[in-house]
Amino acid sequence: MFSPDLVDALDGSDALTKRRRAAAERAVASGMPSFTEEVWRYTPIDDLDPALYAFAAPGGAAGPAGLMDGVDDGAAAVVRITNGAVVDVSVRAEGIRVGTLGDGADDLIGTVAPEGPDVFGDWNLALATAPVAVSIDPNAVVAAPIVVHVHTDVEGLAWFPRLVVVAGRTSQATVIEHHTGGDTPALVCPLTELSVGDGAHLGHLTVQELGTRAWQIANLCSDVGRDANLRTGQVAMGGAYARARIGIDMTGRGGHSEIDAVYFGRGSSTLDFRTFQTHVAPHTTSDLLFKGAVDDHARAVYTGLIRIEADAPHVVANQTNRNLKLSPNAWAESVPNLEIENSDVQCSHASSIGPVDADQRFYLESRGVPTDVAEALVVRGFFDEVLDALPSEEISASVRRRIDELVSDADFAVTQ
């Protein structure tokens, strides 16, 4: 896809450069994926033409506030990364350290993902020009969110954002990633690593509102320690093709994770989610709830896997995906899976795809609510369960307003 020779021109320690070269060699050996592979099933990956994009790091101005309007004002730290370059780093609270290349990030890259989970993850390690590492000190309690803005607005640009979050033992913090883009074609392949130390509580949220011609192929890799808690969420509203592969590894006894997502596809966009809840340690729990809607000719893909290793008894793991089709031309696919190597566990999975529930609509209509308003209210209520759990009231309110606008554009009328 890209030349390994590009690695030699990048900054970083000798050790990082060595790892970069190895990653580039793996990526070249792997080659581009195909929709015939199970992990790329239902996707337009064969339509990706690398020749349309050029790797660079031109930098630029910070992106718009979008769904994050007002969140920065009370943030514990704000990092801005634009078109492959770090624009600004502002740390406003104790217990937080933010590192970039040559300033702490070199050694922390690969903390959770020493190798990419796919070819784009390997290219990310090889070609990350502006990696950022956020470290939360042991025992630190960071009340306000740590915000990382990632913006892309250069036509034909390909780049690889990298974020590493290391939550020290018994620390508490929330990190919010915000991905925005202009209305230009671009290829953005971020990789996020979340290391949750023993007894730590880490909240993480990705808010994606890219332009309608952007491709995003994202990876999230996490490791949850003993008695630790990770709550990670996704808000996906943009992109021509936006994929998020989310890996949760429960490696510490007594760990707990929650994975949530809310997504809304319009036009001809494709929103693609692949989740992996892997329980390595005993007495661990994980809960997943993904809810999305597709309108126009949009597509949504969800495939999820709960895997319980043989040495992991007393595990409780759940997985639920619900999809609303608001247009007869929209399409959704939902494929939950279980792989269980230990019999002493409790696991469940569920999925649904369908239009607005006729009984719910009739209930409202029977009480005098017009049909279009009734449908809009049902759609709004469909997302409440996930939106109520987001780590920021400002973002929850912004997403609700955005959903109201999208439903209104679909000829529904939403009343306050």
Protein backbone atom coordinates (compact mmCIF):
# COMPACT_ATOMS: atom_id res chain seq x y z
CA MET A 1 0.00 0.00 0.00
CA PHE A 2 2.81 2.38 0.94
CA SER A 3 6.56 2.02 0.64
CA PRO A 4 8.55 0.83 3.69
CA ASP A 5 11.15 3.39 2.62
CA LEU A 6 8.87 6.08 4.08
CA VAL A 7 9.84 4.88 7.56
CA ASP A 8 13.39 6.17 7.21
CA ALA A 9 12.19 9.77 6.93
CA LEU A 10 10.15 9.69 10.15
CA ASP A 11 11.19 10.89 13.58
CA GLY A 12 11.53 8.60 16.57
CA SER A 13 14.04 6.66 18.62
CA ASP A 14 16.21 3.94 17.10
CA ALA A 15 14.10 1.31 18.86
CA LEU A 16 10.89 2.75 17.44
CA THR A 17 12.38 2.96 13.96
CA LYS A 18 13.30 -0.71 14.17
CA ARG A 19 9.74 -1.60 15.14
CA ARG A 20 8.42 0.63 12.37
CA ARG A 21 10.43 -1.22 9.75
CA ALA A 22 9.25 -4.60 11.04
CA ALA A 23 5.64 -3.41 10.91
CA ALA A 24 6.06 -2.14 7.34
CA GLU A 25 7.52 -5.48 6.29
CA ARG A 26 4.54 -7.31 7.86
CA ALA A 27 2.14 -4.97 6.08
CA VAL A 28 3.79 -5.52 2.70
CA ALA A 29 3.74 -9.28 3.26
CA SER A 30 0.04 -9.20 4.22
CA GLY A 31 -1.06 -7.13 1.26
CA MET A 32 -4.46 -5.50 0.94
CA PRO A 33 -7.42 -7.37 2.44
CA SER A 34 -10.41 -8.58 0.43
CA PHE A 35 -14.13 -8.79 1.17
CA THR A 36 -13.78 -12.58 0.67
CA GLU A 37 -12.04 -12.71 4.09
CA GLU A 38 -14.47 -13.24 6.96
CA VAL A 39 -13.27 -10.20 8.92
CA TRP A 40 -13.92 -7.99 5.85
CA ARG A 41 -17.21 -9.60 4.89
CA TYR A 42 -20.01 -7.24 3.80
CA THR A 43 -17.55 -4.36 3.24
CA PRO A 44 -16.53 -2.33 0.17
CA ILE A 45 -12.84 -2.87 0.97
CA ASP A 46 -12.14 -4.01 -2.61
CA ASP A 47 -13.12 -0.49 -3.74
CA LEU A 48 -10.24 1.06 -1.80
CA ASP A 49 -7.64 2.30 -4.29
CA PRO A 50 -4.42 3.28 -2.47
CA ALA A 51 -3.25 5.16 -5.58
CA LEU A 52 -5.87 7.83 -4.85
CA TYR A 53 -4.12 8.84 -1.62
CA ALA A 54 -0.72 10.21 -0.71
CA PHE A 55 0.99 9.77 2.67
CA ALA A 56 2.01 13.08 4.23
CA ALA A 57 1.81 15.17 7.42
CA PRO A 58 1.10 18.75 6.33
CA GLY A 59 -0.58 19.86 9.55
CA GLY A 60 -3.11 22.68 9.51
CA ALA A 61 -5.68 24.46 11.62
CA ALA A 62 -7.74 22.78 14.32
CA GLY A 63 -11.08 21.28 13.33
CA PRO A 64 -14.61 22.38 14.24
CA ALA A 65 -16.21 21.74 17.62
CA GLY A 66 -19.11 19.82 16.11
CA LEU A 67 -20.70 17.41 18.58
CA MET A 68 -18.02 18.38 21.12
CA ASP A 69 -19.20 21.98 21.44
CA GLY A 70 -18.50 23.19 24.97
CA VAL A 71 -16.61 20.10 26.12
CA ASP A 72 -13.12 21.66 25.86
CA ASP A 73 -13.98 24.46 28.29
CA GLY A 74 -13.87 22.22 31.34
CA ALA A 75 -11.42 19.59 30.06
CA ALA A 76 -8.45 18.39 32.11
CA ALA A 77 -6.31 18.35 28.95
CA VAL A 78 -6.84 19.14 25.27
CA VAL A 79 -4.73 17.76 22.41
CA ARG A 80 -5.23 18.87 18.82
CA ILE A 81 -3.85 16.84 15.91
CA THR A 82 -4.49 17.92 12.31
CA ASN A 83 -3.46 16.21 9.08
CA GLY A 84 -0.71 14.19 10.68
CA ALA A 85 0.81 16.87 12.92
CA VAL A 86 0.31 17.80 16.58
CA VAL A 87 -1.06 21.34 16.62
CA ASP A 88 -1.41 21.98 20.34
CA VAL A 89 -1.17 20.26 23.73
CA SER A 90 -2.69 21.83 26.82
CA VAL A 91 -2.60 20.05 30.18
CA ARG A 92 -4.70 21.74 32.85
CA ALA A 93 -4.86 19.21 35.68
CA GLU A 94 -2.48 17.25 37.86
CA GLY A 95 -1.94 13.53 37.49
CA ILE A 96 -1.78 13.63 33.67
CA ARG A 97 1.21 13.45 31.34
CA VAL A 98 0.91 13.87 27.58
CA GLY A 99 3.84 12.75 25.44
CA THR A 100 4.63 13.07 21.74
CA LEU A 101 7.50 11.74 19.62
CA GLY A 102 10.77 12.28 21.47
CA ASP A 103 8.87 13.21 24.61
CA GLY A 104 7.60 9.92 26.00
CA ALA A 105 5.45 8.48 23.23
CA ASP A 106 8.19 6.40 21.58
CA ASP A 107 8.41 3.85 24.39
CA LEU A 108 4.66 3.65 25.05
CA ILE A 109 3.62 2.87 21.46
CA GLY A 110 2.79 -0.83 21.40
CA THR A 111 1.93 -1.02 25.11
CA VAL A 112 -1.19 -3.03 24.20
CA ALA A 113 -0.74 -3.61 20.46
CA PRO A 114 2.90 -4.37 19.62
CA GLU A 115 1.63 -5.56 16.25
CA GLY A 116 -1.37 -4.35 14.30
CA PRO A 117 -4.52 -6.48 14.45
CA ASP A 118 -4.71 -6.04 10.67
CA VAL A 119 -2.62 -4.60 7.83
CA PHE A 120 -3.84 -1.07 8.58
CA GLY A 121 -2.71 -1.47 12.18
CA ASP A 122 0.75 -2.43 10.99
CA TRP A 123 0.87 0.55 8.63
CA ASN A 124 -0.22 2.69 11.57
CA LEU A 125 2.78 1.62 13.61
CA ALA A 126 5.07 2.06 10.61
CA LEU A 127 3.83 5.49 9.54
CA ALA A 128 2.33 7.24 12.58
CA THR A 129 3.66 10.80 12.28
CA ALA A 130 1.99 12.32 15.34
CA PRO A 131 1.53 9.63 17.99
CA VAL A 132 0.30 10.84 21.36
CA ALA A 133 0.63 9.01 24.69
CA VAL A 134 -1.58 9.95 27.64
CA SER A 135 -0.46 8.62 31.02
CA ILE A 136 -2.63 8.85 34.14
CA ASP A 137 -0.59 8.58 37.31
CA PRO A 138 -1.30 5.74 39.75
CA ASN A 139 -4.03 6.69 42.26
CA ALA A 140 -4.82 9.89 40.35
CA VAL A 141 -8.48 10.89 40.09
CA VAL A 142 -9.01 13.10 37.04
CA ALA A 143 -12.54 14.43 37.27
CA ALA A 144 -12.71 16.28 33.93
CA PRO A 145 -12.30 14.57 30.54
CA ILE A 146 -9.07 14.44 28.56
CA VAL A 147 -9.93 15.45 25.00
CA VAL A 148 -8.03 14.52 21.83
CA HIS A 149 -9.18 16.18 18.59
CA VAL A 150 -8.15 14.54 15.29
CA HIS A 151 -8.97 16.51 12.13
CA THR A 152 -8.46 15.77 8.42
CA ASP A 153 -9.19 18.28 5.66
CA VAL A 154 -6.48 17.82 2.99
CA GLU A 155 -7.75 16.26 -0.22
CA GLY A 156 -6.24 12.88 -1.03
CA LEU A 157 -4.32 12.65 2.25
CA ALA A 158 -3.56 9.32 3.92
CA TRP A 159 -2.34 9.31 7.50
CA PHE A 160 -2.28 7.22 10.66
CA PRO A 161 -3.26 8.74 14.03
CA ARG A 162 -1.98 6.84 17.08
CA LEU A 163 -3.21 7.32 20.65
CA VAL A 164 -1.91 5.39 23.64
CA VAL A 165 -3.67 5.72 27.00
CA VAL A 166 -2.06 4.17 30.07
CA ALA A 167 -4.24 4.33 33.19
CA GLY A 168 -2.06 3.72 36.24
CA ARG A 169 -3.04 1.43 39.08
CA THR A 170 -6.28 2.52 40.86
CA SER A 171 -6.51 5.70 38.78
CA GLN A 172 -9.72 7.21 37.42
CA ALA A 173 -10.03 9.17 34.17
CA THR A 174 -12.03 9.65 30.98
CA VAL A 175 -10.55 10.16 27.50
CA ILE A 176 -12.61 11.41 24.57
CA GLU A 177 -11.39 11.17 20.97
CA HIS A 178 -13.02 13.43 18.41
CA HIS A 179 -12.52 12.68 14.71
CA THR A 180 -13.66 15.33 12.23
CA GLY A 181 -13.06 16.04 8.56
CA GLY A 182 -13.77 18.32 5.67
CA ASP A 183 -15.83 17.37 2.64
CA THR A 184 -12.81 15.99 0.78
CA PRO A 185 -11.67 12.44 0.00
CA ALA A 186 -9.12 11.17 2.50
CA LEU A 187 -7.96 7.95 4.14
CA VAL A 188 -7.55 8.01 7.92
CA CYS A 189 -6.44 4.88 9.79
CA PRO A 190 -6.30 5.53 13.56
CA LEU A 191 -5.20 3.04 16.20
CA THR A 192 -5.96 3.51 19.89
CA GLU A 193 -4.38 1.52 22.72
CA LEU A 194 -6.01 1.45 26.16
CA SER A 195 -4.05 -0.05 29.04
CA VAL A 196 -6.17 -0.19 32.20
CA GLY A 197 -4.04 -0.94 35.26
CA ASP A 198 -5.14 -3.04 38.20
CA GLY A 199 -8.04 -1.41 40.02
CA ALA A 200 -8.21 1.48 37.57
CA HIS A 201 -11.42 2.93 36.12
CA LEU A 202 -11.07 4.27 32.58
CA GLY A 203 -13.79 5.80 30.47
CA HIS A 204 -13.20 6.20 26.74
CA LEU A 205 -15.38 7.60 23.98
CA THR A 206 -14.79 8.04 20.25
CA VAL A 207 -16.93 10.64 18.48
CA GLN A 208 -16.67 10.25 14.70
CA GLU A 209 -18.14 12.90 12.38
CA LEU A 210 -16.01 12.72 9.25
CA GLY A 211 -16.92 14.14 5.87
CA THR A 212 -19.05 12.19 3.43
CA ARG A 213 -16.10 11.28 1.17
CA ALA A 214 -13.64 10.13 3.82
CA TRP A 215 -12.61 6.55 4.50
CA GLN A 216 -11.74 5.62 8.07
CA ILE A 217 -10.34 2.24 9.05
CA ALA A 218 -9.88 2.35 12.83
CA ASN A 219 -8.57 -0.10 15.42
CA LEU A 220 -9.00 -0.01 19.18
CA CYS A 221 -7.03 -2.45 21.33
CA SER A 222 -7.39 -2.65 25.10
CA ASP A 223 -6.11 -4.60 28.07
CA VAL A 224 -8.16 -4.63 31.29
CA GLY A 225 -6.25 -5.53 34.45
CA ARG A 226 -7.23 -7.13 37.73
CA ASP A 227 -10.36 -5.59 39.29
CA ALA A 228 -10.19 -2.85 36.65
CA ASN A 229 -13.10 -1.25 34.83
CA LEU A 230 -13.21 -0.03 31.23
CA ARG A 231 -16.18 1.69 29.66
CA THR A 232 -15.62 2.49 25.99
CA GLY A 233 -18.13 3.92 23.56
CA GLN A 234 -18.54 4.93 19.93
CA VAL A 235 -20.60 7.69 18.35
CA ALA A 236 -20.48 7.34 14.56
CA MET A 237 -22.20 9.87 12.32
CA GLY A 238 -20.01 10.34 9.24
CA GLY A 239 -17.69 8.95 6.61
CA ALA A 240 -18.19 7.29 3.24
CA TYR A 241 -16.89 4.07 4.78
CA ALA A 242 -16.11 4.13 8.50
CA ARG A 243 -14.90 0.94 10.15
CA ALA A 244 -14.10 0.42 13.83
CA ARG A 245 -12.49 -2.79 15.03
CA ILE A 246 -12.80 -2.88 18.83
CA GLY A 247 -10.82 -5.42 20.82
CA ILE A 248 -11.36 -5.83 24.56
CA ASP A 249 -8.98 -8.23 26.32
CA MET A 250 -10.01 -9.13 29.86
CA THR A 251 -6.66 -10.29 31.23
CA GLY A 252 -7.00 -9.50 34.95
CA ARG A 253 -9.17 -11.45 37.37
CA GLY A 254 -12.28 -9.52 38.40
CA GLY A 255 -12.10 -7.05 35.52
CA HIS A 256 -15.21 -5.52 33.97
CA SER A 257 -15.85 -3.82 30.62
CA GLU A 258 -18.78 -2.11 28.96
CA ILE A 259 -18.83 -1.37 25.23
CA ASP A 260 -21.53 0.90 23.79
CA ALA A 261 -22.20 2.49 20.42
CA VAL A 262 -24.73 4.77 18.78
CA TYR A 263 -24.58 5.27 15.01
CA PHE A 264 -26.68 6.84 12.29
CA GLY A 265 -26.02 6.29 8.59
CA ARG A 266 -27.33 8.56 5.83
CA GLY A 267 -26.84 8.87 2.08
CA SER A 268 -24.69 6.02 0.76
CA SER A 269 -22.42 5.69 3.80
CA THR A 270 -21.31 2.40 5.32
CA LEU A 271 -20.73 2.13 9.08
CA ASP A 272 -18.87 -1.04 9.99
CA PHE A 273 -18.21 -2.40 13.50
CA ARG A 274 -16.23 -5.49 14.47
CA THR A 275 -16.03 -6.27 18.19
CA PHE A 276 -13.98 -8.85 20.09
CA GLN A 277 -14.69 -9.50 23.78
CA THR A 278 -11.90 -11.87 24.81
CA HIS A 279 -11.94 -13.26 28.35
CA VAL A 280 -8.56 -14.62 29.34
CA ALA A 281 -8.90 -14.33 33.13
CA PRO A 282 -11.58 -15.88 35.39
CA HIS A 283 -14.31 -13.91 37.17
CA THR A 284 -14.44 -11.26 34.46
CA THR A 285 -17.50 -9.61 32.93
CA SER A 286 -18.28 -7.71 29.75
CA ASP A 287 -21.44 -6.11 28.39
CA LEU A 288 -21.92 -4.78 24.86
CA LEU A 289 -24.82 -2.70 23.54
CA PHE A 290 -24.74 -1.25 20.00
CA LYS A 291 -27.71 0.66 18.59
CA GLY A 292 -27.90 2.19 15.14
CA ALA A 293 -30.20 3.51 12.44
CA VAL A 294 -29.77 3.61 8.67
CA ASP A 295 -31.65 5.81 6.23
CA ASP A 296 -31.55 6.49 2.46
CA HIS A 297 -29.13 3.95 0.90
CA ALA A 298 -26.87 3.69 3.95
CA ARG A 299 -25.46 0.40 5.22
CA ALA A 300 -24.55 -0.80 8.69
CA VAL A 301 -22.46 -3.87 9.46
CA TYR A 302 -21.95 -5.42 12.88
CA THR A 303 -20.09 -8.63 13.64
CA GLY A 304 -19.18 -9.47 17.21
CA LEU A 305 -17.31 -12.27 18.92
CA ILE A 306 -17.33 -13.25 22.58
CA ARG A 307 -14.46 -15.64 23.23
CA ILE A 308 -13.98 -17.41 26.57
CA GLU A 309 -10.60 -19.08 27.03
CA ALA A 310 -10.29 -22.49 28.69
CA ASP A 311 -8.73 -21.06 31.87
CA ALA A 312 -11.46 -18.45 32.37
CA PRO A 313 -14.32 -19.87 34.46
CA HIS A 314 -17.05 -17.76 36.12
CA VAL A 315 -17.26 -15.32 33.22
CA VAL A 316 -20.39 -13.32 32.42
CA ALA A 317 -20.47 -11.82 28.92
CA ASN A 318 -23.32 -10.27 26.96
CA GLN A 319 -23.64 -8.83 23.45
CA THR A 320 -26.60 -6.97 21.93
CA ASN A 321 -26.94 -5.19 18.58
CA ARG A 322 -30.15 -3.43 17.51
CA ASN A 323 -30.72 -1.72 14.15
CA LEU A 324 -33.51 0.46 12.78
CA LYS A 325 -34.15 0.68 9.03
CA LEU A 326 -35.74 4.04 8.26
CA SER A 327 -35.76 3.51 4.49
CA PRO A 328 -36.59 0.46 2.35
CA ASN A 329 -33.30 1.07 0.51
CA ALA A 330 -31.19 1.01 3.66
CA TRP A 331 -29.45 -2.21 4.65
CA ALA A 332 -28.03 -3.67 7.86
CA GLU A 333 -26.22 -6.86 8.76
CA SER A 334 -25.77 -8.20 12.30
CA VAL A 335 -23.74 -11.31 13.10
CA PRO A 336 -23.09 -12.10 16.79
CA ASN A 337 -20.83 -15.05 17.62
CA LEU A 338 -19.71 -17.06 20.64
CA GLU A 339 -16.58 -19.18 21.13
CA ILE A 340 -16.63 -20.78 24.57
CA GLU A 341 -13.83 -23.03 25.81
CA ASN A 342 -15.04 -23.22 29.44
CA SER A 343 -18.41 -24.59 30.55
CA ASP A 344 -18.72 -22.60 33.79
CA VAL A 345 -19.79 -19.30 32.20
CA GLN A 346 -22.87 -17.22 31.41
CA CYS A 347 -23.05 -15.74 27.93
CA SER A 348 -25.73 -14.26 25.72
CA HIS A 349 -25.98 -12.60 22.34
CA ALA A 350 -28.87 -10.94 20.54
CA SER A 351 -29.45 -8.90 17.40
CA SER A 352 -32.35 -7.35 15.52
CA ILE A 353 -32.92 -5.46 12.29
CA GLY A 354 -36.23 -3.87 11.38
CA PRO A 355 -38.30 -0.73 10.82
CA VAL A 356 -39.86 1.45 13.51
CA ASP A 357 -41.96 -0.82 15.74
CA ALA A 358 -45.57 -0.71 14.53
CA ASP A 359 -47.01 -1.31 18.00
CA GLN A 360 -45.06 1.58 19.50
CA ARG A 361 -46.13 3.85 16.67
CA PHE A 362 -49.79 2.79 17.01
CA TYR A 363 -49.68 3.40 20.78
CA LEU A 364 -48.67 7.01 20.18
CA GLU A 365 -51.07 7.47 17.29
CA SER A 366 -53.95 6.21 19.42
CA ARG A 367 -53.24 9.07 21.79
CA GLY A 368 -53.45 11.69 19.09
CA VAL A 369 -49.78 11.90 18.05
CA PRO A 370 -49.40 12.35 14.25
CA THR A 371 -47.71 9.45 12.47
CA ASP A 372 -44.55 11.31 11.48
CA VAL A 373 -44.09 12.69 14.99
CA ALA A 374 -44.75 9.25 16.50
CA GLU A 375 -42.08 7.66 14.33
CA ALA A 376 -39.58 10.37 15.26
CA LEU A 377 -40.28 9.93 18.97
CA VAL A 378 -39.75 6.18 18.68
CA VAL A 379 -36.40 6.73 16.97
CA ARG A 380 -35.33 9.20 19.64
CA GLY A 381 -36.32 6.82 22.43
CA PHE A 382 -34.54 3.94 20.72
CA PHE A 383 -31.16 5.61 21.37
CA ASP A 384 -31.78 6.88 24.90
CA GLU A 385 -30.36 3.82 26.64
CA VAL A 386 -26.96 4.35 25.04
CA LEU A 387 -26.96 8.15 25.09
CA ASP A 388 -27.74 8.24 28.81
CA ALA A 389 -24.55 6.29 29.46
CA LEU A 390 -22.16 8.59 27.58
CA PRO A 391 -19.49 10.16 29.81
CA SER A 392 -20.42 13.74 28.87
CA GLU A 393 -23.81 15.41 29.23
CA GLU A 394 -22.79 17.97 26.61
CA ILE A 395 -22.04 15.24 24.05
CA SER A 396 -25.24 13.36 24.90
CA ALA A 397 -27.27 16.50 24.30
CA SER A 398 -25.42 17.28 21.06
CA VAL A 399 -25.95 13.77 19.70
CA ARG A 400 -29.65 13.92 20.55
CA ARG A 401 -29.95 17.20 18.64
CA ARG A 402 -28.06 15.72 15.68
CA ILE A 403 -30.33 12.67 15.61
CA ASP A 404 -33.37 14.96 15.72
CA GLU A 405 -31.99 16.84 12.71
CA LEU A 406 -31.29 13.64 10.78
CA VAL A 407 -34.74 12.25 11.49
CA SER A 408 -36.31 15.60 10.56
CA ASP A 409 -34.47 15.49 7.23
CA ALA A 410 -36.08 12.09 6.67
CA ASP A 411 -39.46 13.89 6.60
CA PHE A 412 -40.22 13.22 10.25
CA ALA A 413 -41.11 16.08 12.60
CA VAL A 414 -39.54 15.99 16.05
CA THR A 415 -41.22 18.06 18.76
CA GLN A 416 -39.67 19.08 22.02
